Amino acid sequence: LSINFPFPVSFIKEVMDDDSFEKKPLLKLSCKKPMKEFETFPDLTEEYSKPTSFYKLITGMDDGLMDYLVLSQMSLLSLHKLRELYLVPDWFRGQLARRTIDSFSSFDCSLLQHISRLGSLRCLT
């Protein structure tokens, strides 16, 4: 089983629509930090649901909120069989601004710390 992280809005909607949620062992986790914009609340008017992207969220988040996002979403995953972790943005083709690099590094460190706390870091190949 593989999933993108942070979770796409479509996945969150699936979880919300189900009556129950079963954790299945995750083998691959991808954190591609996409620039593609999405509506957080697509059923609301644009006045209440401004388009954003994970790139914008990650680069605009403070460390406390970033840790909370990682912790809250990772708690829904079973990582004991995690073998692959991809952290490089899928759109990256050259240099990045220092602020972007710092934000991505902070997010990736938070993700790695959480995976390590769960004892799953040693399983990665």
N, C-alpha and C. Protein backbone atom coordinates (compact mmCIF):
# COMPACT_ATOMS: atom_id res chain seq x y z
N LEU A 1 0.84 -1.17 0.00
CA LEU A 1 0.00 0.00 0.00
C LEU A 1 0.89 1.24 0.00
N SER A 2 0.50 2.24 -0.75
CA SER A 2 1.27 3.47 -0.90
C SER A 2 0.33 4.66 -0.72
N ILE A 3 0.87 5.77 -0.19
CA ILE A 3 0.04 6.96 -0.04
C ILE A 3 0.92 8.21 -0.16
N ASN A 4 0.28 9.30 -0.58
CA ASN A 4 0.96 10.60 -0.63
C ASN A 4 0.75 11.31 0.70
N PHE A 5 1.75 12.08 1.10
CA PHE A 5 1.70 12.80 2.37
C PHE A 5 2.20 14.21 2.16
N PRO A 6 1.52 15.21 2.71
CA PRO A 6 0.26 15.18 3.42
C PRO A 6 -0.85 14.60 2.55
N PHE A 7 -1.88 14.10 3.21
CA PHE A 7 -2.96 13.44 2.49
C PHE A 7 -3.64 14.39 1.52
N PRO A 8 -3.92 13.91 0.32
CA PRO A 8 -4.73 14.70 -0.62
C PRO A 8 -6.15 14.89 -0.07
N VAL A 9 -6.78 15.96 -0.46
CA VAL A 9 -8.15 16.25 0.00
C VAL A 9 -9.08 15.10 -0.38
N SER A 10 -8.87 14.47 -1.51
CA SER A 10 -9.73 13.35 -1.94
C SER A 10 -9.64 12.18 -0.94
N PHE A 11 -8.45 11.91 -0.40
CA PHE A 11 -8.31 10.84 0.59
C PHE A 11 -9.02 11.22 1.89
N ILE A 12 -8.86 12.45 2.33
CA ILE A 12 -9.52 12.91 3.55
C ILE A 12 -11.04 12.80 3.39
N LYS A 13 -11.54 13.13 2.20
CA LYS A 13 -12.99 13.01 1.94
C LYS A 13 -13.44 11.55 2.04
N GLU A 14 -12.64 10.62 1.50
CA GLU A 14 -12.96 9.20 1.61
C GLU A 14 -13.05 8.77 3.07
N VAL A 15 -12.11 9.21 3.88
CA VAL A 15 -12.11 8.87 5.31
C VAL A 15 -13.35 9.44 5.98
N MET A 16 -13.69 10.66 5.66
CA MET A 16 -14.88 11.30 6.24
C MET A 16 -16.16 10.59 5.85
N ASP A 17 -16.23 10.07 4.63
CA ASP A 17 -17.44 9.43 4.12
C ASP A 17 -17.64 8.01 4.63
N ASP A 18 -16.57 7.37 5.13
CA ASP A 18 -16.67 6.00 5.63
C ASP A 18 -17.11 5.99 7.09
N ASP A 19 -17.84 4.94 7.45
CA ASP A 19 -18.28 4.78 8.83
C ASP A 19 -17.17 4.25 9.73
N SER A 20 -16.23 3.54 9.15
CA SER A 20 -15.13 2.99 9.93
C SER A 20 -13.83 3.17 9.15
N PHE A 21 -12.74 3.04 9.86
CA PHE A 21 -11.44 3.24 9.25
C PHE A 21 -10.51 2.14 9.73
N GLU A 22 -9.91 1.41 8.80
CA GLU A 22 -9.00 0.33 9.14
C GLU A 22 -7.59 0.71 8.69
N LYS A 23 -6.67 0.66 9.63
CA LYS A 23 -5.26 0.91 9.29
C LYS A 23 -4.71 -0.32 8.59
N LYS A 24 -4.10 -0.10 7.43
CA LYS A 24 -3.44 -1.18 6.71
C LYS A 24 -1.96 -0.86 6.65
N PRO A 25 -1.11 -1.88 6.67
CA PRO A 25 0.33 -1.63 6.64
C PRO A 25 0.74 -0.86 5.38
N LEU A 26 1.46 0.21 5.60
CA LEU A 26 1.92 1.06 4.52
C LEU A 26 3.33 0.63 4.12
N LEU A 27 3.57 0.47 2.82
CA LEU A 27 4.89 0.08 2.33
C LEU A 27 5.68 1.26 1.78
N LYS A 28 4.97 2.25 1.22
CA LYS A 28 5.64 3.38 0.56
C LYS A 28 4.92 4.67 0.93
N LEU A 29 5.70 5.66 1.34
CA LEU A 29 5.17 6.98 1.67
C LEU A 29 5.88 8.00 0.79
N SER A 30 5.10 8.80 0.07
CA SER A 30 5.66 9.83 -0.81
C SER A 30 5.25 11.20 -0.33
N CYS A 31 6.22 12.07 -0.22
CA CYS A 31 5.96 13.46 0.17
C CYS A 31 6.51 14.35 -0.95
N LYS A 32 5.70 14.53 -1.99
CA LYS A 32 6.15 15.22 -3.21
C LYS A 32 5.97 16.73 -3.18
N LYS A 33 5.30 17.23 -2.15
CA LYS A 33 5.09 18.67 -1.97
C LYS A 33 4.56 19.34 -3.24
N PRO A 34 3.44 18.85 -3.77
CA PRO A 34 2.95 19.35 -5.06
C PRO A 34 2.58 20.83 -5.05
N MET A 35 2.79 21.46 -6.20
CA MET A 35 2.44 22.87 -6.37
C MET A 35 1.02 23.04 -6.91
N LYS A 36 0.43 21.95 -7.38
CA LYS A 36 -0.93 22.02 -7.94
C LYS A 36 -1.90 22.49 -6.87
N GLU A 37 -2.71 23.48 -7.21
CA GLU A 37 -3.66 24.03 -6.25
C GLU A 37 -4.90 23.16 -6.14
N PHE A 38 -5.52 23.21 -4.96
CA PHE A 38 -6.75 22.47 -4.69
C PHE A 38 -7.62 23.32 -3.79
N GLU A 39 -8.88 22.96 -3.73
CA GLU A 39 -9.84 23.61 -2.83
C GLU A 39 -9.93 22.76 -1.57
N THR A 40 -9.70 23.38 -0.43
CA THR A 40 -9.82 22.64 0.83
C THR A 40 -11.25 22.20 1.06
N PHE A 41 -12.19 23.10 0.76
CA PHE A 41 -13.62 22.81 0.89
C PHE A 41 -14.28 23.01 -0.46
N PRO A 42 -14.18 22.05 -1.38
CA PRO A 42 -14.69 22.25 -2.74
C PRO A 42 -16.20 22.46 -2.81
N ASP A 43 -16.92 22.09 -1.78
CA ASP A 43 -18.37 22.26 -1.81
C ASP A 43 -18.81 23.67 -1.36
N LEU A 44 -17.87 24.51 -0.94
CA LEU A 44 -18.19 25.88 -0.54
C LEU A 44 -17.81 26.86 -1.65
N THR A 45 -18.36 28.06 -1.58
CA THR A 45 -18.03 29.08 -2.58
C THR A 45 -16.58 29.51 -2.40
N GLU A 46 -16.03 30.13 -3.42
CA GLU A 46 -14.64 30.57 -3.39
C GLU A 46 -14.37 31.55 -2.24
N GLU A 47 -15.41 32.26 -1.83
CA GLU A 47 -15.27 33.21 -0.72
C GLU A 47 -14.82 32.50 0.55
N TYR A 48 -15.24 31.26 0.74
CA TYR A 48 -14.92 30.50 1.95
C TYR A 48 -13.86 29.43 1.74
N SER A 49 -13.51 29.15 0.52
CA SER A 49 -12.54 28.10 0.22
C SER A 49 -11.53 28.60 -0.80
N LYS A 50 -10.49 29.23 -0.32
CA LYS A 50 -9.45 29.77 -1.20
C LYS A 50 -8.56 28.64 -1.71
N PRO A 51 -8.21 28.66 -2.98
CA PRO A 51 -7.30 27.64 -3.51
C PRO A 51 -5.93 27.73 -2.82
N THR A 52 -5.34 26.58 -2.56
CA THR A 52 -4.00 26.53 -1.98
C THR A 52 -3.28 25.32 -2.55
N SER A 53 -2.08 25.09 -2.13
CA SER A 53 -1.31 23.91 -2.55
C SER A 53 -0.50 23.44 -1.34
N PHE A 54 -0.04 22.21 -1.38
CA PHE A 54 0.80 21.73 -0.29
C PHE A 54 2.11 22.49 -0.24
N TYR A 55 2.60 22.90 -1.40
CA TYR A 55 3.80 23.73 -1.44
C TYR A 55 3.57 25.01 -0.64
N LYS A 56 2.45 25.70 -0.88
CA LYS A 56 2.15 26.93 -0.15
C LYS A 56 1.96 26.67 1.35
N LEU A 57 1.27 25.57 1.67
CA LEU A 57 1.06 25.25 3.08
C LEU A 57 2.37 25.00 3.81
N ILE A 58 3.22 24.19 3.22
CA ILE A 58 4.49 23.83 3.87
C ILE A 58 5.40 25.04 4.01
N THR A 59 5.50 25.87 2.98
CA THR A 59 6.40 27.02 3.06
C THR A 59 5.85 28.15 3.92
N GLY A 60 4.56 28.11 4.24
CA GLY A 60 3.97 29.16 5.06
C GLY A 60 3.66 28.74 6.49
N MET A 61 4.05 27.55 6.89
CA MET A 61 3.67 27.00 8.19
C MET A 61 4.78 27.18 9.22
N ASP A 62 4.40 27.49 10.47
CA ASP A 62 5.43 27.50 11.52
C ASP A 62 5.67 26.07 12.00
N ASP A 63 6.76 25.87 12.72
CA ASP A 63 7.17 24.52 13.12
C ASP A 63 6.14 23.80 13.98
N GLY A 64 5.48 24.53 14.88
CA GLY A 64 4.48 23.90 15.75
C GLY A 64 3.31 23.35 14.97
N LEU A 65 2.81 24.13 14.03
CA LEU A 65 1.70 23.68 13.21
C LEU A 65 2.13 22.54 12.29
N MET A 66 3.37 22.62 11.80
CA MET A 66 3.90 21.56 10.94
C MET A 66 3.96 20.24 11.70
N ASP A 67 4.48 20.29 12.94
CA ASP A 67 4.55 19.07 13.75
C ASP A 67 3.15 18.52 14.02
N TYR A 68 2.20 19.40 14.27
CA TYR A 68 0.82 18.96 14.53
C TYR A 68 0.22 18.29 13.29
N LEU A 69 0.44 18.88 12.12
CA LEU A 69 -0.07 18.29 10.87
C LEU A 69 0.52 16.90 10.68
N VAL A 70 1.82 16.78 10.84
CA VAL A 70 2.48 15.48 10.66
C VAL A 70 1.95 14.47 11.68
N LEU A 71 1.89 14.86 12.93
CA LEU A 71 1.42 13.95 13.97
C LEU A 71 -0.02 13.52 13.73
N SER A 72 -0.90 14.45 13.41
CA SER A 72 -2.31 14.10 13.25
C SER A 72 -2.54 13.20 12.04
N GLN A 73 -1.84 13.45 10.94
CA GLN A 73 -2.04 12.60 9.77
C GLN A 73 -1.32 11.26 9.92
N MET A 74 -0.13 11.26 10.50
CA MET A 74 0.62 10.01 10.66
C MET A 74 -0.08 9.06 11.62
N SER A 75 -0.88 9.59 12.54
CA SER A 75 -1.59 8.73 13.49
C SER A 75 -2.61 7.83 12.80
N LEU A 76 -2.98 8.16 11.58
CA LEU A 76 -3.93 7.34 10.82
C LEU A 76 -3.25 6.22 10.03
N LEU A 77 -1.92 6.15 10.11
CA LEU A 77 -1.18 5.19 9.30
C LEU A 77 -0.53 4.10 10.14
N SER A 78 -0.39 2.93 9.55
CA SER A 78 0.34 1.83 10.14
C SER A 78 1.69 1.75 9.42
N LEU A 79 2.76 2.10 10.14
CA LEU A 79 4.08 2.23 9.50
C LEU A 79 5.03 1.07 9.79
N HIS A 80 4.59 0.04 10.48
CA HIS A 80 5.51 -1.02 10.90
C HIS A 80 6.11 -1.80 9.73
N LYS A 81 5.53 -1.69 8.53
CA LYS A 81 6.09 -2.36 7.35
C LYS A 81 6.61 -1.38 6.31
N LEU A 82 6.74 -0.11 6.70
CA LEU A 82 7.21 0.92 5.77
C LEU A 82 8.62 0.59 5.27
N ARG A 83 8.79 0.59 3.95
CA ARG A 83 10.08 0.27 3.35
C ARG A 83 10.64 1.40 2.49
N GLU A 84 9.77 2.23 1.94
CA GLU A 84 10.22 3.29 1.02
C GLU A 84 9.65 4.63 1.45
N LEU A 85 10.51 5.66 1.38
CA LEU A 85 10.11 7.02 1.71
C LEU A 85 10.71 7.96 0.67
N TYR A 86 9.86 8.72 0.00
CA TYR A 86 10.30 9.67 -1.02
C TYR A 86 9.98 11.08 -0.55
N LEU A 87 11.02 11.93 -0.47
CA LEU A 87 10.85 13.28 0.05
C LEU A 87 11.10 14.37 -0.99
N VAL A 88 11.61 14.02 -2.15
CA VAL A 88 11.94 15.02 -3.17
C VAL A 88 10.69 15.47 -3.90
N PRO A 89 10.49 16.79 -4.02
CA PRO A 89 9.32 17.28 -4.77
C PRO A 89 9.32 16.73 -6.20
N ASP A 90 8.16 16.31 -6.68
CA ASP A 90 8.10 15.73 -8.02
C ASP A 90 8.29 16.76 -9.13
N TRP A 91 8.21 18.04 -8.82
CA TRP A 91 8.34 19.10 -9.80
C TRP A 91 9.73 19.71 -9.81
N PHE A 92 10.61 19.30 -8.91
CA PHE A 92 11.93 19.92 -8.75
C PHE A 92 12.83 19.66 -9.95
N ARG A 93 13.35 20.74 -10.55
CA ARG A 93 14.24 20.61 -11.72
C ARG A 93 15.46 21.52 -11.62
N GLY A 94 15.71 22.14 -10.53
CA GLY A 94 16.85 23.06 -10.44
C GLY A 94 17.03 23.59 -9.04
N GLN A 95 17.32 24.85 -8.91
CA GLN A 95 17.57 25.45 -7.61
C GLN A 95 16.28 25.93 -6.96
N LEU A 96 16.32 25.97 -5.64
CA LEU A 96 15.19 26.46 -4.86
C LEU A 96 15.65 27.63 -4.00
N ALA A 97 14.71 28.50 -3.65
CA ALA A 97 15.01 29.61 -2.75
C ALA A 97 15.37 29.06 -1.37
N ARG A 98 16.21 29.77 -0.64
CA ARG A 98 16.65 29.34 0.68
C ARG A 98 15.46 29.10 1.62
N ARG A 99 14.45 29.96 1.58
CA ARG A 99 13.27 29.82 2.43
C ARG A 99 12.52 28.52 2.12
N THR A 100 12.43 28.18 0.84
CA THR A 100 11.77 26.94 0.43
C THR A 100 12.54 25.73 0.92
N ILE A 101 13.85 25.77 0.77
CA ILE A 101 14.69 24.66 1.24
C ILE A 101 14.54 24.49 2.75
N ASP A 102 14.56 25.60 3.48
CA ASP A 102 14.41 25.54 4.94
C ASP A 102 13.06 24.96 5.34
N SER A 103 12.00 25.39 4.65
CA SER A 103 10.65 24.89 4.96
C SER A 103 10.54 23.40 4.66
N PHE A 104 11.04 22.98 3.50
CA PHE A 104 10.99 21.57 3.13
C PHE A 104 11.81 20.73 4.10
N SER A 105 12.98 21.22 4.48
CA SER A 105 13.84 20.48 5.42
C SER A 105 13.16 20.33 6.77
N SER A 106 12.52 21.39 7.23
CA SER A 106 11.82 21.34 8.51
C SER A 106 10.67 20.33 8.45
N PHE A 107 9.90 20.35 7.36
CA PHE A 107 8.80 19.41 7.20
C PHE A 107 9.31 17.97 7.15
N ASP A 108 10.35 17.75 6.35
CA ASP A 108 10.93 16.41 6.22
C ASP A 108 11.49 15.91 7.55
N CYS A 109 12.13 16.80 8.32
CA CYS A 109 12.67 16.41 9.63
C CYS A 109 11.54 16.02 10.58
N SER A 110 10.45 16.77 10.55
CA SER A 110 9.30 16.44 11.39
C SER A 110 8.76 15.06 11.02
N LEU A 111 8.66 14.81 9.74
CA LEU A 111 8.18 13.51 9.25
C LEU A 111 9.12 12.38 9.69
N LEU A 112 10.41 12.58 9.50
CA LEU A 112 11.40 11.57 9.88
C LEU A 112 11.42 11.33 11.40
N GLN A 113 11.28 12.39 12.18
CA GLN A 113 11.25 12.23 13.63
C GLN A 113 10.05 11.39 14.06
N HIS A 114 8.92 11.63 13.44
CA HIS A 114 7.73 10.87 13.80
C HIS A 114 7.89 9.39 13.40
N ILE A 115 8.41 9.15 12.22
CA ILE A 115 8.64 7.78 11.77
C ILE A 115 9.64 7.09 12.71
N SER A 116 10.66 7.82 13.12
CA SER A 116 11.66 7.27 14.04
C SER A 116 11.05 6.95 15.40
N ARG A 117 10.21 7.84 15.92
CA ARG A 117 9.55 7.61 17.21
C ARG A 117 8.73 6.33 17.20
N LEU A 118 8.18 6.01 16.04
CA LEU A 118 7.37 4.80 15.93
C LEU A 118 8.21 3.55 15.68
N GLY A 119 9.54 3.72 15.55
CA GLY A 119 10.44 2.59 15.35
C GLY A 119 10.49 2.08 13.92
N SER A 120 9.94 2.84 12.98
CA SER A 120 9.86 2.36 11.60
C SER A 120 11.01 2.87 10.72
N LEU A 121 11.82 3.77 11.23
CA LEU A 121 12.91 4.33 10.43
C LEU A 121 13.94 3.27 10.05
N ARG A 122 14.18 2.35 10.95
CA ARG A 122 15.18 1.30 10.69
C ARG A 122 14.76 0.33 9.58
N CYS A 123 13.49 0.33 9.23
CA CYS A 123 12.99 -0.59 8.20
C CYS A 123 13.15 -0.05 6.78
N LEU A 124 13.45 1.26 6.68
CA LEU A 124 13.55 1.87 5.35
C LEU A 124 14.76 1.37 4.59
N THR A 125 14.60 1.20 3.28
CA THR A 125 15.72 0.74 2.46
C THR A 125 16.26 1.88 1.61
